[in-house]
Amino acid sequence: MTNPDAAVAPVSVVIPTLNEAETIGAVLAEIPRAFANDLIVADGGSRDATREVAAAAGARVIEAGRGYGRACAAGAAAARPGSRVIVFLDGDGADRADLIEAVAGPVLAGEKDLVLASRTRGEREPGSMLWHQVLAGRLAGLGIGALTGVAYTDMCAFRAIDRTALARLALREMTYGWNIEMQMQAARAGLRIAEIPLPYRCRAGGASKVAGSLGGTLRAGSRIVATFLRVATGPAPQR
């Protein structure tokens, strides 16, 4: 494990955003200094002051275009050359950015290739996850387990992955299926994977693009199902 009081870690932190002006400043401020060497806010066309607030808080802001997966991919591509690990987290304040070492540490130490936070196994604030979000994570985990032998409990955005391993996965999904495609392809590629329970909060402000409306939930759900079917029937990454 790395020491958060030691030298700055070779980590790039990617935060996809869309209208998160209320929360992004606090999210960036919560990241420990040892992991704040390369903060990338991949913005999907915010109509509020997200980009300005993020830049003022010390992040590099890139215009990623619409789509959650597209923002994650653009942020990873923009990581500084010296970064060995890419961390992803949401910009709404629900993920505990101060606990970033828990996900990044095992990857930095060469013990794991992919470490994911599990909200369903961790302590959750009341109302932070709706019942259908918990169920979706469980069902996806069962499906991936049946297909690959690697079972997950969640599809939380908060995760760290070895940069070389991420490139090898060649992810294609540009919308809400990004997370499940990564988890499926990582399992099929034989990556060393760990899922750890971490606390999860209610979003600190703004409206959820997924759970905040029935339409958002249905759109995200349909993309996740479509991605699962595409990956399940497609070629596996090279081991």
C-alpha atoms as a PDB file:
ATOM      1  CA  MET A   1       0.000   0.000   0.000  1.00  0.00           C
ATOM      2  CA  THR A   2       1.073   3.552  -0.623  1.00  0.00           C
ATOM      3  CA  ASN A   3       1.400   6.101   2.142  1.00  0.00           C
ATOM      4  CA  PRO A   4      -0.854   9.135   1.594  1.00  0.00           C
ATOM      5  CA  ASP A   5       1.750  11.295   3.281  1.00  0.00           C
ATOM      6  CA  ALA A   6       4.510  10.141   0.936  1.00  0.00           C
ATOM      7  CA  ALA A   7       5.474  11.511  -2.468  1.00  0.00           C
ATOM      8  CA  VAL A   8       2.805  12.194  -5.059  1.00  0.00           C
ATOM      9  CA  ALA A   9       1.603   8.925  -6.590  1.00  0.00           C
ATOM     10  CA  PRO A  10       1.734   8.257 -10.363  1.00  0.00           C
ATOM     11  CA  VAL A  11      -2.066   8.356 -10.609  1.00  0.00           C
ATOM     12  CA  SER A  12      -4.462  10.232 -12.857  1.00  0.00           C
ATOM     13  CA  VAL A  13      -7.956  10.827 -11.496  1.00  0.00           C
ATOM     14  CA  VAL A  14     -10.708  11.045 -14.108  1.00  0.00           C
ATOM     15  CA  ILE A  15     -14.056  12.599 -13.176  1.00  0.00           C
ATOM     16  CA  PRO A  16     -16.776  12.661 -15.863  1.00  0.00           C
ATOM     17  CA  THR A  17     -19.166  15.558 -15.348  1.00  0.00           C
ATOM     18  CA  LEU A  18     -22.401  16.999 -16.659  1.00  0.00           C
ATOM     19  CA  ASN A  19     -23.789  19.984 -14.760  1.00  0.00           C
ATOM     20  CA  GLU A  20     -22.009  19.329 -11.456  1.00  0.00           C
ATOM     21  CA  ALA A  21     -21.099  22.920 -10.524  1.00  0.00           C
ATOM     22  CA  GLU A  22     -22.643  22.487  -7.067  1.00  0.00           C
ATOM     23  CA  THR A  23     -20.426  19.556  -6.155  1.00  0.00           C
ATOM     24  CA  ILE A  24     -17.265  19.312  -8.260  1.00  0.00           C
ATOM     25  CA  GLY A  25     -15.228  21.797  -6.220  1.00  0.00           C
ATOM     26  CA  ALA A  26     -15.752  19.841  -2.999  1.00  0.00           C
ATOM     27  CA  VAL A  27     -15.021  16.525  -4.757  1.00  0.00           C
ATOM     28  CA  LEU A  28     -11.679  17.802  -6.011  1.00  0.00           C
ATOM     29  CA  ALA A  29     -10.812  19.323  -2.634  1.00  0.00           C
ATOM     30  CA  GLU A  30     -11.463  15.996  -0.895  1.00  0.00           C
ATOM     31  CA  ILE A  31      -8.867  14.096  -2.937  1.00  0.00           C
ATOM     32  CA  PRO A  32      -5.730  13.600  -0.807  1.00  0.00           C
ATOM     33  CA  ARG A  33      -2.731  15.611  -1.954  1.00  0.00           C
ATOM     34  CA  ALA A  34      -0.702  12.475  -2.667  1.00  0.00           C
ATOM     35  CA  PHE A  35      -3.235  11.530  -5.357  1.00  0.00           C
ATOM     36  CA  ALA A  36      -3.921  14.995  -6.756  1.00  0.00           C
ATOM     37  CA  ASN A  37      -1.018  15.187  -9.198  1.00  0.00           C
ATOM     38  CA  ASP A  38      -3.232  14.842 -12.289  1.00  0.00           C
ATOM     39  CA  LEU A  39      -6.899  15.712 -11.832  1.00  0.00           C
ATOM     40  CA  ILE A  40      -8.912  15.490 -15.049  1.00  0.00           C
ATOM     41  CA  VAL A  41     -12.506  16.658 -15.321  1.00  0.00           C
ATOM     42  CA  ALA A  42     -13.964  15.256 -18.545  1.00  0.00           C
ATOM     43  CA  ASP A  43     -16.984  17.421 -19.166  1.00  0.00           C
ATOM     44  CA  GLY A  44     -19.880  16.296 -21.319  1.00  0.00           C
ATOM     45  CA  GLY A  45     -21.251  19.710 -22.245  1.00  0.00           C
ATOM     46  CA  SER A  46     -22.299  21.243 -18.935  1.00  0.00           C
ATOM     47  CA  ARG A  47     -24.602  24.236 -19.138  1.00  0.00           C
ATOM     48  CA  ASP A  48     -23.668  25.493 -15.685  1.00  0.00           C
ATOM     49  CA  ALA A  49     -20.310  26.588 -14.232  1.00  0.00           C
ATOM     50  CA  THR A  50     -18.877  23.065 -13.833  1.00  0.00           C
ATOM     51  CA  ARG A  51     -15.850  23.731 -16.019  1.00  0.00           C
ATOM     52  CA  GLU A  52     -15.007  27.029 -14.346  1.00  0.00           C
ATOM     53  CA  VAL A  53     -15.363  25.645 -10.823  1.00  0.00           C
ATOM     54  CA  ALA A  54     -13.251  22.602 -11.680  1.00  0.00           C
ATOM     55  CA  ALA A  55     -10.485  24.676 -13.240  1.00  0.00           C
ATOM     56  CA  ALA A  56     -10.435  26.997 -10.227  1.00  0.00           C
ATOM     57  CA  ALA A  57     -10.054  23.931  -7.985  1.00  0.00           C
ATOM     58  CA  GLY A  58      -6.932  22.830  -9.880  1.00  0.00           C
ATOM     59  CA  ALA A  59      -8.283  20.313 -12.387  1.00  0.00           C
ATOM     60  CA  ARG A  60      -7.485  20.038 -16.058  1.00  0.00           C
ATOM     61  CA  VAL A  61     -10.802  20.354 -17.847  1.00  0.00           C
ATOM     62  CA  ILE A  62     -11.324  18.655 -21.189  1.00  0.00           C
ATOM     63  CA  GLU A  63     -14.341  18.753 -23.485  1.00  0.00           C
ATOM     64  CA  ALA A  64     -15.312  15.107 -23.838  1.00  0.00           C
ATOM     65  CA  GLY A  65     -18.611  15.214 -25.703  1.00  0.00           C
ATOM     66  CA  ARG A  66     -21.809  13.569 -24.556  1.00  0.00           C
ATOM     67  CA  GLY A  67     -21.837  10.088 -23.117  1.00  0.00           C
ATOM     68  CA  TYR A  68     -20.563   8.725 -19.804  1.00  0.00           C
ATOM     69  CA  GLY A  69     -18.242   6.184 -21.402  1.00  0.00           C
ATOM     70  CA  ARG A  70     -16.963   8.731 -23.882  1.00  0.00           C
ATOM     71  CA  ALA A  71     -16.014  11.039 -20.999  1.00  0.00           C
ATOM     72  CA  CYS A  72     -14.227   8.234 -19.148  1.00  0.00           C
ATOM     73  CA  ALA A  73     -12.334   7.201 -22.282  1.00  0.00           C
ATOM     74  CA  ALA A  74     -11.359  10.785 -23.112  1.00  0.00           C
ATOM     75  CA  GLY A  75     -10.171  11.383 -19.569  1.00  0.00           C
ATOM     76  CA  ALA A  76      -8.056   8.234 -19.566  1.00  0.00           C
ATOM     77  CA  ALA A  77      -6.551   9.177 -22.932  1.00  0.00           C
ATOM     78  CA  ALA A  78      -5.642  12.608 -21.541  1.00  0.00           C
ATOM     79  CA  ALA A  79      -3.756  11.196 -18.538  1.00  0.00           C
ATOM     80  CA  ARG A  80      -0.171  12.360 -18.154  1.00  0.00           C
ATOM     81  CA  PRO A  81       2.512  10.044 -19.551  1.00  0.00           C
ATOM     82  CA  GLY A  82       3.937   9.210 -16.131  1.00  0.00           C
ATOM     83  CA  SER A  83       0.671   7.925 -14.671  1.00  0.00           C
ATOM     84  CA  ARG A  84       0.579   4.164 -14.101  1.00  0.00           C
ATOM     85  CA  VAL A  85      -2.907   4.004 -12.606  1.00  0.00           C
ATOM     86  CA  ILE A  86      -6.200   5.572 -13.687  1.00  0.00           C
ATOM     87  CA  VAL A  87      -8.835   6.242 -11.036  1.00  0.00           C
ATOM     88  CA  PHE A  88     -12.439   6.953 -11.976  1.00  0.00           C
ATOM     89  CA  LEU A  89     -15.041   8.503  -9.700  1.00  0.00           C
ATOM     90  CA  ASP A  90     -18.211  10.523 -10.038  1.00  0.00           C
ATOM     91  CA  GLY A  91     -18.414  14.266  -9.596  1.00  0.00           C
ATOM     92  CA  ASP A  92     -21.567  14.379  -7.476  1.00  0.00           C
ATOM     93  CA  GLY A  93     -19.892  13.950  -4.085  1.00  0.00           C
ATOM     94  CA  ALA A  94     -21.370  10.506  -3.365  1.00  0.00           C
ATOM     95  CA  ASP A  95     -18.067   8.641  -3.714  1.00  0.00           C
ATOM     96  CA  ARG A  96     -15.604   9.069  -0.817  1.00  0.00           C
ATOM     97  CA  ALA A  97     -12.748  10.709  -2.688  1.00  0.00           C
ATOM     98  CA  ASP A  98     -10.757  10.933   0.545  1.00  0.00           C
ATOM     99  CA  LEU A  99     -10.537   7.113   0.500  1.00  0.00           C
ATOM    100  CA  ILE A 100      -8.907   6.972  -2.915  1.00  0.00           C
ATOM    101  CA  GLU A 101      -5.900   5.073  -1.566  1.00  0.00           C
ATOM    102  CA  ALA A 102      -8.145   2.105  -0.814  1.00  0.00           C
ATOM    103  CA  VAL A 103      -8.783   1.561  -4.526  1.00  0.00           C
ATOM    104  CA  ALA A 104      -5.540   2.910  -5.993  1.00  0.00           C
ATOM    105  CA  GLY A 105      -3.112   1.460  -3.448  1.00  0.00           C
ATOM    106  CA  PRO A 106      -3.301  -2.234  -4.438  1.00  0.00           C
ATOM    107  CA  VAL A 107      -2.888  -1.333  -8.121  1.00  0.00           C
ATOM    108  CA  LEU A 108       0.076   0.922  -7.425  1.00  0.00           C
ATOM    109  CA  ALA A 109       1.654  -1.834  -5.359  1.00  0.00           C
ATOM    110  CA  GLY A 110       1.340  -4.274  -8.265  1.00  0.00           C
ATOM    111  CA  GLU A 111      -0.963  -6.548  -6.252  1.00  0.00           C
ATOM    112  CA  LYS A 112      -4.090  -5.990  -8.385  1.00  0.00           C
ATOM    113  CA  ASP A 113      -4.905  -4.783 -11.889  1.00  0.00           C
ATOM    114  CA  LEU A 114      -8.428  -3.550 -11.116  1.00  0.00           C
ATOM    115  CA  VAL A 115      -9.937  -2.535  -7.783  1.00  0.00           C
ATOM    116  CA  LEU A 116     -13.581  -1.521  -7.499  1.00  0.00           C
ATOM    117  CA  ALA A 117     -15.543   0.032  -4.671  1.00  0.00           C
ATOM    118  CA  SER A 118     -18.680  -1.849  -3.689  1.00  0.00           C
ATOM    119  CA  ARG A 119     -21.494   0.331  -2.441  1.00  0.00           C
ATOM    120  CA  THR A 120     -23.725  -2.647  -1.715  1.00  0.00           C
ATOM    121  CA  ARG A 121     -21.156  -4.206   0.621  1.00  0.00           C
ATOM    122  CA  GLY A 122     -20.218  -0.899   2.244  1.00  0.00           C
ATOM    123  CA  GLU A 123     -22.107   1.391   4.587  1.00  0.00           C
ATOM    124  CA  ARG A 124     -24.628   3.490   2.664  1.00  0.00           C
ATOM    125  CA  GLU A 125     -26.360   6.660   3.715  1.00  0.00           C
ATOM    126  CA  PRO A 126     -30.145   6.249   3.678  1.00  0.00           C
ATOM    127  CA  GLY A 127     -31.444   7.173   0.224  1.00  0.00           C
ATOM    128  CA  SER A 128     -28.026   7.059  -1.442  1.00  0.00           C
ATOM    129  CA  MET A 129     -29.030   4.057  -3.581  1.00  0.00           C
ATOM    130  CA  LEU A 130     -32.514   3.136  -4.734  1.00  0.00           C
ATOM    131  CA  TRP A 131     -33.667  -0.471  -4.588  1.00  0.00           C
ATOM    132  CA  HIS A 132     -33.457  -0.918  -8.348  1.00  0.00           C
ATOM    133  CA  GLN A 133     -29.824   0.242  -8.357  1.00  0.00           C
ATOM    134  CA  VAL A 134     -28.924  -2.380  -5.771  1.00  0.00           C
ATOM    135  CA  LEU A 135     -30.853  -5.038  -7.695  1.00  0.00           C
ATOM    136  CA  ALA A 136     -29.228  -4.081 -11.006  1.00  0.00           C
ATOM    137  CA  GLY A 137     -25.768  -4.456  -9.511  1.00  0.00           C
ATOM    138  CA  ARG A 138     -26.594  -7.840  -8.046  1.00  0.00           C
ATOM    139  CA  LEU A 139     -28.131  -9.135 -11.282  1.00  0.00           C
ATOM    140  CA  ALA A 140     -25.226  -7.869 -13.367  1.00  0.00           C
ATOM    141  CA  GLY A 141     -22.814  -9.522 -10.965  1.00  0.00           C
ATOM    142  CA  LEU A 142     -24.638 -12.837 -11.212  1.00  0.00           C
ATOM    143  CA  GLY A 143     -24.659 -12.629 -15.009  1.00  0.00           C
ATOM    144  CA  ILE A 144     -20.962 -11.839 -15.208  1.00  0.00           C
ATOM    145  CA  GLY A 145     -20.228 -14.578 -12.706  1.00  0.00           C
ATOM    146  CA  ALA A 146     -22.115 -17.142 -14.767  1.00  0.00           C
ATOM    147  CA  LEU A 147     -20.244 -16.063 -17.883  1.00  0.00           C
ATOM    148  CA  THR A 148     -16.728 -15.601 -16.535  1.00  0.00           C
ATOM    149  CA  GLY A 149     -16.556 -17.118 -13.060  1.00  0.00           C
ATOM    150  CA  VAL A 150     -15.846 -13.672 -11.544  1.00  0.00           C
ATOM    151  CA  ALA A 151     -18.796 -12.365  -9.536  1.00  0.00           C
ATOM    152  CA  TYR A 152     -19.295  -8.692  -8.695  1.00  0.00           C
ATOM    153  CA  THR A 153     -21.748  -7.062  -6.302  1.00  0.00           C
ATOM    154  CA  ASP A 154     -21.904  -3.585  -7.837  1.00  0.00           C
ATOM    155  CA  MET A 155     -21.148  -1.395 -10.843  1.00  0.00           C
ATOM    156  CA  CYS A 156     -19.864   1.551  -8.811  1.00  0.00           C
ATOM    157  CA  ALA A 157     -18.053   4.279 -10.753  1.00  0.00           C
ATOM    158  CA  PHE A 158     -15.301   4.501  -8.104  1.00  0.00           C
ATOM    159  CA  ARG A 159     -12.484   2.252  -9.346  1.00  0.00           C
ATOM    160  CA  ALA A 160      -8.771   2.109 -10.122  1.00  0.00           C
ATOM    161  CA  ILE A 161      -7.160   0.230 -12.992  1.00  0.00           C
ATOM    162  CA  ASP A 162      -3.637  -0.287 -14.232  1.00  0.00           C
ATOM    163  CA  ARG A 163      -3.188   1.934 -17.275  1.00  0.00           C
ATOM    164  CA  THR A 164      -1.647  -0.768 -19.441  1.00  0.00           C
ATOM    165  CA  ALA A 165      -4.408  -3.201 -18.504  1.00  0.00           C
ATOM    166  CA  LEU A 166      -7.078  -0.626 -19.381  1.00  0.00           C
ATOM    167  CA  ALA A 167      -5.612  -0.154 -22.849  1.00  0.00           C
ATOM    168  CA  ARG A 168      -5.575  -3.912 -23.368  1.00  0.00           C
ATOM    169  CA  LEU A 169      -9.326  -4.128 -22.695  1.00  0.00           C
ATOM    170  CA  ALA A 170     -10.069  -1.901 -25.740  1.00  0.00           C
ATOM    171  CA  LEU A 171     -13.390  -0.700 -24.345  1.00  0.00           C
ATOM    172  CA  ARG A 172     -15.931   0.448 -26.930  1.00  0.00           C
ATOM    173  CA  GLU A 173     -19.002   1.492 -24.945  1.00  0.00           C
ATOM    174  CA  MET A 174     -19.464   5.262 -24.943  1.00  0.00           C
ATOM    175  CA  THR A 175     -22.541   5.546 -22.707  1.00  0.00           C
ATOM    176  CA  TYR A 176     -23.687   4.040 -19.419  1.00  0.00           C
ATOM    177  CA  GLY A 177     -22.433   0.556 -20.289  1.00  0.00           C
ATOM    178  CA  TRP A 178     -18.776   1.602 -19.782  1.00  0.00           C
ATOM    179  CA  ASN A 179     -18.551   0.229 -16.240  1.00  0.00           C
ATOM    180  CA  ILE A 180     -20.059  -3.170 -16.973  1.00  0.00           C
ATOM    181  CA  GLU A 181     -17.970  -3.562 -20.129  1.00  0.00           C
ATOM    182  CA  MET A 182     -14.812  -2.887 -18.118  1.00  0.00           C
ATOM    183  CA  GLN A 183     -15.810  -5.422 -15.476  1.00  0.00           C
ATOM    184  CA  MET A 184     -16.730  -8.079 -18.010  1.00  0.00           C
ATOM    185  CA  GLN A 185     -13.646  -7.630 -20.160  1.00  0.00           C
ATOM    186  CA  ALA A 186     -11.376  -7.470 -17.122  1.00  0.00           C
ATOM    187  CA  ALA A 187     -12.731 -10.828 -15.949  1.00  0.00           C
ATOM    188  CA  ARG A 188     -12.437 -12.357 -19.418  1.00  0.00           C
ATOM    189  CA  ALA A 189      -8.863 -11.067 -19.749  1.00  0.00           C
ATOM    190  CA  GLY A 190      -7.828 -12.714 -16.484  1.00  0.00           C
ATOM    191  CA  LEU A 191      -6.972  -9.468 -14.693  1.00  0.00           C
ATOM    192  CA  ARG A 192      -6.302  -9.592 -10.965  1.00  0.00           C
ATOM    193  CA  ILE A 193      -9.496  -8.057  -9.591  1.00  0.00           C
ATOM    194  CA  ALA A 194     -10.612  -6.997  -6.128  1.00  0.00           C
ATOM    195  CA  GLU A 195     -13.900  -5.524  -4.972  1.00  0.00           C
ATOM    196  CA  ILE A 196     -13.801  -3.748  -1.620  1.00  0.00           C
ATOM    197  CA  PRO A 197     -16.629  -2.345   0.523  1.00  0.00           C
ATOM    198  CA  LEU A 198     -16.523   1.443   0.830  1.00  0.00           C
ATOM    199  CA  PRO A 199     -19.006   3.901   2.336  1.00  0.00           C
ATOM    200  CA  TYR A 200     -21.331   5.710  -0.038  1.00  0.00           C
ATOM    201  CA  ARG A 201     -23.146   9.011   0.456  1.00  0.00           C
ATOM    202  CA  CYS A 202     -26.150  10.745  -1.024  1.00  0.00           C
ATOM    203  CA  ARG A 203     -25.157  13.055  -3.854  1.00  0.00           C
ATOM    204  CA  ALA A 204     -24.162  16.459  -2.479  1.00  0.00           C
ATOM    205  CA  GLY A 205     -26.209  18.496  -4.948  1.00  0.00           C
ATOM    206  CA  GLY A 206     -27.838  18.611  -8.346  1.00  0.00           C
ATOM    207  CA  ALA A 207     -29.929  15.904  -9.960  1.00  0.00           C
ATOM    208  CA  SER A 208     -28.894  12.364 -10.868  1.00  0.00           C
ATOM    209  CA  LYS A 209     -28.729  11.699 -14.613  1.00  0.00           C
ATOM    210  CA  VAL A 210     -29.720   8.065 -14.029  1.00  0.00           C
ATOM    211  CA  ALA A 211     -31.656   7.508 -10.808  1.00  0.00           C
ATOM    212  CA  GLY A 212     -33.181  11.000 -10.832  1.00  0.00           C
ATOM    213  CA  SER A 213     -35.873  10.124 -13.371  1.00  0.00           C
ATOM    214  CA  LEU A 214     -37.662   7.114 -14.808  1.00  0.00           C
ATOM    215  CA  GLY A 215     -36.450   8.010 -18.292  1.00  0.00           C
ATOM    216  CA  GLY A 216     -32.846   8.204 -17.156  1.00  0.00           C
ATOM    217  CA  THR A 217     -33.098   4.882 -15.377  1.00  0.00           C
ATOM    218  CA  LEU A 218     -34.626   3.174 -18.421  1.00  0.00           C
ATOM    219  CA  ARG A 219     -32.033   4.608 -20.804  1.00  0.00           C
ATOM    220  CA  ALA A 220     -29.146   3.570 -18.595  1.00  0.00           C
ATOM    221  CA  GLY A 221     -30.642   0.146 -18.006  1.00  0.00           C
ATOM    222  CA  SER A 222     -31.144  -0.510 -21.703  1.00  0.00           C
ATOM    223  CA  ARG A 223     -27.539   0.440 -22.488  1.00  0.00           C
ATOM    224  CA  ILE A 224     -26.216  -1.793 -19.715  1.00  0.00           C
ATOM    225  CA  VAL A 225     -28.233  -4.766 -20.986  1.00  0.00           C
ATOM    226  CA  ALA A 226     -27.195  -4.115 -24.585  1.00  0.00           C
ATOM    227  CA  THR A 227     -23.545  -3.867 -23.558  1.00  0.00           C
ATOM    228  CA  PHE A 228     -23.740  -7.096 -21.566  1.00  0.00           C
ATOM    229  CA  LEU A 229     -25.153  -8.967 -24.552  1.00  0.00           C
ATOM    230  CA  ARG A 230     -22.598  -7.502 -26.972  1.00  0.00           C
ATOM    231  CA  VAL A 231     -19.625  -8.298 -24.769  1.00  0.00           C
ATOM    232  CA  ALA A 232     -20.915 -11.754 -23.851  1.00  0.00           C
ATOM    233  CA  THR A 233     -21.130 -12.741 -27.509  1.00  0.00           C
ATOM    234  CA  GLY A 234     -17.962 -10.965 -28.666  1.00  0.00           C
ATOM    235  CA  PRO A 235     -14.285 -11.891 -28.537  1.00  0.00           C
ATOM    236  CA  ALA A 236     -12.427 -11.763 -25.242  1.00  0.00           C
ATOM    237  CA  PRO A 237      -9.353  -9.534 -24.823  1.00  0.00           C
ATOM    238  CA  GLN A 238      -5.972 -11.200 -25.134  1.00  0.00           C
ATOM    239  CA  ARG A 239      -4.613 -12.469 -21.845  1.00  0.00           C
END
